């Protein structure tokens, strides 16, 4: 994993051994890493010095990782920066909450450097906000009461603007530009992250649930995002 000179990583980790290991590895890979040990310092630092990726420990003194993630996503200056949460294996409910608050990915501890490399590389691919295969030159898509503007990366439903995370928008784009096509969870993982290695397919379920809460009048009776039991998900046929 080789970074360009402009790629900067913010590590928020209160365990000094893990923090220094990540700093050392990122420096060897060509990054400019910054290490913070407290959640309270993150928003000010991330606002002042733009970062390409943020590695955020879930269990932090002061403000925990979930509170920090929420604050980062609520601030326009940091809303689109890829966030990877570092979590312990026993913290699955908190990982799910982290994804719902806008984290792009999570790495359960202990993790291998190979897994770490895979996750960071995928986050950096997303971080530019302009994937080569993104549909940015298409006209906006209008389906029923939903409007997706690919160039502006904006979503409106029933006339109201809907805020989506980067991952949510990419999932919605994949589904909406292929109406009726069934996507498996692995297909969506590969589409968004570049591969499905090391990733729990249930991650997709969390993002779909969050999208439904934002787009559907009744998430239990969806109009746009449908579950294909035992397979995956599909988007409403445009003729429907």
Protein backbone atom coordinates (compact mmCIF):
# COMPACT_ATOMS: atom_id res chain seq x y z
CA UNK A 1 0.00 0.00 0.00
CA UNK A 2 1.74 3.18 -1.17
CA UNK A 3 0.25 6.56 -0.43
CA UNK A 4 0.66 9.76 -2.40
CA UNK A 5 2.44 12.61 -0.57
CA UNK A 6 -0.89 14.31 0.11
CA UNK A 7 -2.55 11.37 1.84
CA UNK A 8 -2.95 12.07 5.54
CA UNK A 9 -4.31 9.70 8.16
CA UNK A 10 -5.69 10.62 11.57
CA UNK A 11 -5.38 7.83 14.14
CA UNK A 12 -7.48 8.17 17.29
CA UNK A 13 -6.34 5.42 19.66
CA UNK A 14 -5.67 5.57 23.41
CA UNK A 15 -3.70 2.31 23.53
CA UNK A 16 -0.09 3.50 23.03
CA UNK A 17 1.15 0.18 21.63
CA UNK A 18 -1.56 -0.03 18.98
CA UNK A 19 -1.30 3.67 18.23
CA UNK A 20 2.46 3.54 17.64
CA UNK A 21 2.13 0.36 15.57
CA UNK A 22 -0.36 2.08 13.26
CA UNK A 23 1.77 5.21 13.06
CA UNK A 24 4.84 3.13 12.15
CA UNK A 25 3.00 1.11 9.54
CA UNK A 26 1.40 4.15 7.90
CA UNK A 27 4.70 6.01 7.81
CA UNK A 28 6.35 3.03 6.09
CA UNK A 29 3.52 3.04 3.56
CA UNK A 30 4.15 6.70 2.75
CA UNK A 31 1.36 8.32 4.73
CA UNK A 32 1.57 11.32 7.00
CA UNK A 33 -0.07 9.97 10.16
CA UNK A 34 -1.27 12.00 13.14
CA UNK A 35 -2.00 10.25 16.44
CA UNK A 36 -4.51 11.52 18.99
CA UNK A 37 -5.34 9.71 22.21
CA UNK A 38 -8.53 11.56 23.19
CA UNK A 39 -11.83 11.90 21.38
CA UNK A 40 -12.23 15.49 22.54
CA UNK A 41 -9.44 16.73 20.28
CA UNK A 42 -10.63 15.08 17.08
CA UNK A 43 -13.17 17.51 15.66
CA UNK A 44 -11.00 20.60 16.14
CA UNK A 45 -7.97 18.87 14.61
CA UNK A 46 -9.91 17.35 11.69
CA UNK A 47 -11.46 20.73 10.92
CA UNK A 48 -8.11 22.49 11.01
CA UNK A 49 -6.08 19.89 9.12
CA UNK A 50 -8.05 17.96 6.47
CA UNK A 51 -7.42 14.21 6.52
CA UNK A 52 -7.95 11.57 3.84
CA UNK A 53 -8.97 8.86 6.31
CA UNK A 54 -9.74 8.67 10.03
CA UNK A 55 -9.02 5.54 12.08
CA UNK A 56 -11.22 5.84 15.14
CA UNK A 57 -11.05 3.62 18.22
CA UNK A 58 -14.47 2.85 19.64
CA UNK A 59 -13.44 2.93 23.30
CA UNK A 60 -11.88 6.32 24.03
CA UNK A 61 -11.60 8.39 27.20
CA UNK A 62 -13.82 11.45 27.38
CA UNK A 63 -15.85 11.26 24.20
CA UNK A 64 -16.11 7.69 22.93
CA UNK A 65 -15.79 6.71 19.28
CA UNK A 66 -19.54 6.77 18.65
CA UNK A 67 -19.85 10.33 19.93
CA UNK A 68 -16.86 11.40 17.87
CA UNK A 69 -18.25 9.71 14.74
CA UNK A 70 -21.58 11.47 15.21
CA UNK A 71 -19.86 14.84 15.57
CA UNK A 72 -17.67 14.29 12.51
CA UNK A 73 -20.64 13.37 10.34
CA UNK A 74 -22.65 16.35 11.58
CA UNK A 75 -19.94 18.84 10.60
CA UNK A 76 -19.82 19.91 6.95
CA UNK A 77 -16.01 20.08 6.99
CA UNK A 78 -15.63 16.41 7.97
CA UNK A 79 -18.93 14.86 6.83
CA UNK A 80 -17.42 13.00 3.87
CA UNK A 81 -14.06 11.90 5.30
CA UNK A 82 -13.89 8.08 5.36
CA UNK A 83 -14.03 6.75 8.92
CA UNK A 84 -12.82 3.29 9.90
CA UNK A 85 -13.74 2.27 13.43
CA UNK A 86 -11.33 0.11 15.43
CA UNK A 87 -13.34 -2.18 17.70
CA UNK A 88 -12.96 -5.17 20.00
CA UNK A 89 -14.61 -8.40 18.86
CA UNK A 90 -17.17 -8.28 21.67
CA UNK A 91 -18.50 -4.86 20.68
CA UNK A 92 -20.75 -5.92 17.79
CA UNK A 93 -23.80 -3.86 18.85
CA UNK A 94 -21.61 -0.76 19.04
CA UNK A 95 -20.13 -1.54 15.62
CA UNK A 96 -23.64 -1.58 14.18
CA UNK A 97 -24.41 1.74 15.84
CA UNK A 98 -21.16 3.12 14.43
CA UNK A 99 -22.17 2.18 10.91
CA UNK A 100 -25.57 3.74 11.44
CA UNK A 101 -23.90 6.97 12.59
CA UNK A 102 -21.94 7.10 9.35
CA UNK A 103 -18.74 5.09 9.82
CA UNK A 104 -17.69 3.59 6.49
CA UNK A 105 -16.09 0.44 7.84
CA UNK A 106 -14.81 -1.20 10.98
CA UNK A 107 -11.87 -3.43 11.87
CA UNK A 108 -12.29 -5.78 14.85
CA UNK A 109 -9.24 -6.15 17.09
CA UNK A 110 -6.94 -7.94 16.96
CA UNK A 111 -6.38 -7.44 13.24
CA UNK A 112 -3.60 -8.36 10.85
CA UNK A 113 -1.65 -5.74 8.94
CA UNK A 114 -2.89 -7.36 5.74
CA UNK A 115 -6.48 -6.76 6.79
CA UNK A 116 -5.60 -3.24 7.91
CA UNK A 117 -4.00 -2.54 4.53
CA UNK A 118 -7.06 -3.83 2.68
CA UNK A 119 -9.44 -1.64 4.69
CA UNK A 120 -7.37 1.54 4.39
CA UNK A 121 -6.83 1.08 0.66
CA UNK A 122 -10.57 0.70 0.18
CA UNK A 123 -11.26 3.78 2.30
CA UNK A 124 -8.84 5.82 0.22
CA UNK A 125 -10.52 4.69 -2.99
CA UNK A 126 -13.77 6.02 -1.56
CA UNK A 127 -12.22 9.12 -0.06
CA UNK A 128 -11.77 10.93 -3.36
CA UNK A 129 -15.54 10.99 -3.75
CA UNK A 130 -15.13 10.27 -7.46
CA UNK A 131 -14.70 6.57 -8.15
CA UNK A 132 -13.90 5.85 -11.77
CA UNK A 133 -17.03 3.74 -12.08
CA UNK A 134 -19.29 6.26 -10.36
CA UNK A 135 -22.24 7.49 -12.36
CA UNK A 136 -21.45 11.21 -12.26
CA UNK A 137 -22.27 12.19 -15.84
CA UNK A 138 -25.78 10.77 -15.96
CA UNK A 139 -28.90 12.85 -15.73
CA UNK A 140 -30.66 12.82 -12.36
CA UNK A 141 -32.86 9.78 -11.83
CA UNK A 142 -36.50 10.30 -10.86
CA UNK A 143 -38.42 7.29 -9.56
CA UNK A 144 -41.83 7.86 -8.01
CA UNK A 145 -41.12 10.49 -5.29
CA UNK A 146 -37.36 9.88 -5.20
CA UNK A 147 -34.78 11.97 -7.08
CA UNK A 148 -31.09 11.04 -7.20
CA UNK A 149 -28.66 13.59 -8.65
CA UNK A 150 -25.46 11.65 -9.33
CA UNK A 151 -23.29 14.63 -10.25
CA UNK A 152 -24.24 16.51 -7.07
CA UNK A 153 -24.40 13.32 -4.99
CA UNK A 154 -27.71 14.50 -3.61
CA UNK A 155 -30.93 12.66 -2.78
CA UNK A 156 -34.42 14.09 -2.39
CA UNK A 157 -37.55 12.19 -1.43
CA UNK A 158 -41.03 13.69 -1.35
CA UNK A 159 -39.42 17.07 -2.00
CA UNK A 160 -37.11 16.92 1.03
CA UNK A 161 -33.31 16.72 0.96
CA UNK A 162 -31.94 13.49 2.47
CA UNK A 163 -28.43 13.33 3.89
CA UNK A 164 -26.63 10.11 3.00
CA UNK A 165 -23.18 8.87 3.88
CA UNK A 166 -20.71 8.07 1.12
CA UNK A 167 -21.36 4.34 1.44
CA UNK A 168 -25.14 4.78 1.52
CA UNK A 169 -25.04 6.86 -1.65
CA UNK A 170 -22.86 4.31 -3.45
CA UNK A 171 -25.16 1.45 -2.47
CA UNK A 172 -28.19 3.45 -3.59
CA UNK A 173 -26.46 4.31 -6.87
CA UNK A 174 -25.60 0.67 -7.58
CA UNK A 175 -29.17 -0.45 -6.95
CA UNK A 176 -31.01 2.48 -8.55
CA UNK A 177 -29.02 2.43 -11.80
CA UNK A 178 -29.87 -1.26 -12.20
CA UNK A 179 -33.60 -1.33 -11.36
CA UNK A 180 -34.93 -4.82 -10.77
CA UNK A 181 -31.49 -6.41 -10.71
CA UNK A 182 -30.77 -8.48 -7.61
CA UNK A 183 -27.49 -7.68 -5.86
CA UNK A 184 -26.02 -10.12 -3.36
CA UNK A 185 -24.32 -8.73 -0.28
CA UNK A 186 -20.92 -9.85 -1.61
CA UNK A 187 -21.59 -8.05 -4.90
CA UNK A 188 -22.34 -4.84 -3.04
CA UNK A 189 -19.31 -5.25 -0.77
CA UNK A 190 -17.09 -5.66 -3.84
CA UNK A 191 -18.72 -2.71 -5.59
CA UNK A 192 -18.23 -0.34 -2.67
CA UNK A 193 -15.04 -1.61 -1.02
CA UNK A 194 -13.27 -3.18 -3.99
CA UNK A 195 -13.49 -6.66 -2.49
CA UNK A 196 -15.43 -8.57 0.15
CA UNK A 197 -12.39 -9.83 2.07
CA UNK A 198 -12.50 -9.47 5.85
CA UNK A 199 -15.97 -7.93 5.73
CA UNK A 200 -19.13 -9.13 7.39
CA UNK A 201 -21.96 -9.23 4.81
CA UNK A 202 -24.28 -7.94 7.54
CA UNK A 203 -22.58 -4.58 7.07
CA UNK A 204 -24.71 -4.20 3.94
CA UNK A 205 -27.87 -4.97 5.93
CA UNK A 206 -27.08 -2.11 8.30
CA UNK A 207 -26.63 0.39 5.47
CA UNK A 208 -29.79 -0.81 3.72
CA UNK A 209 -31.77 -0.45 6.93
CA UNK A 210 -30.44 3.04 7.40
CA UNK A 211 -31.31 3.96 3.80
CA UNK A 212 -34.83 2.67 4.28
CA UNK A 213 -35.27 4.76 7.39
CA UNK A 214 -34.32 7.82 5.34
CA UNK A 215 -36.20 7.07 2.12
CA UNK A 216 -39.26 5.00 2.93
CA UNK A 217 -42.50 6.18 4.48
CA UNK A 218 -42.67 2.78 6.18
CA UNK A 219 -39.39 0.87 6.34
CA UNK A 220 -41.35 -2.37 6.83
CA UNK A 221 -43.29 -1.77 3.60
CA UNK A 222 -40.61 -0.34 1.29
CA UNK A 223 -41.33 1.44 -1.98
CA UNK A 224 -37.73 1.55 -3.25
CA UNK A 225 -35.37 -0.93 -1.60
CA UNK A 226 -36.60 -4.52 -1.58
CA UNK A 227 -35.18 -7.61 0.10
CA UNK A 228 -34.86 -10.74 -2.01
CA UNK A 229 -34.98 -13.35 0.71
CA UNK A 230 -31.90 -15.56 0.85
CA UNK A 231 -30.16 -13.62 -1.93
CA UNK A 232 -29.80 -9.88 -1.40
CA UNK A 233 -31.48 -6.64 -2.46
CA UNK A 234 -32.99 -4.95 -5.49
CA UNK A 235 -34.30 -1.50 -6.39
CA UNK A 236 -37.85 -0.77 -7.48
CA UNK A 237 -38.46 -1.24 -11.20
CA UNK A 238 -38.63 2.21 -12.77
CA UNK A 239 -41.93 1.29 -14.49
CA UNK A 240 -43.56 0.49 -11.15
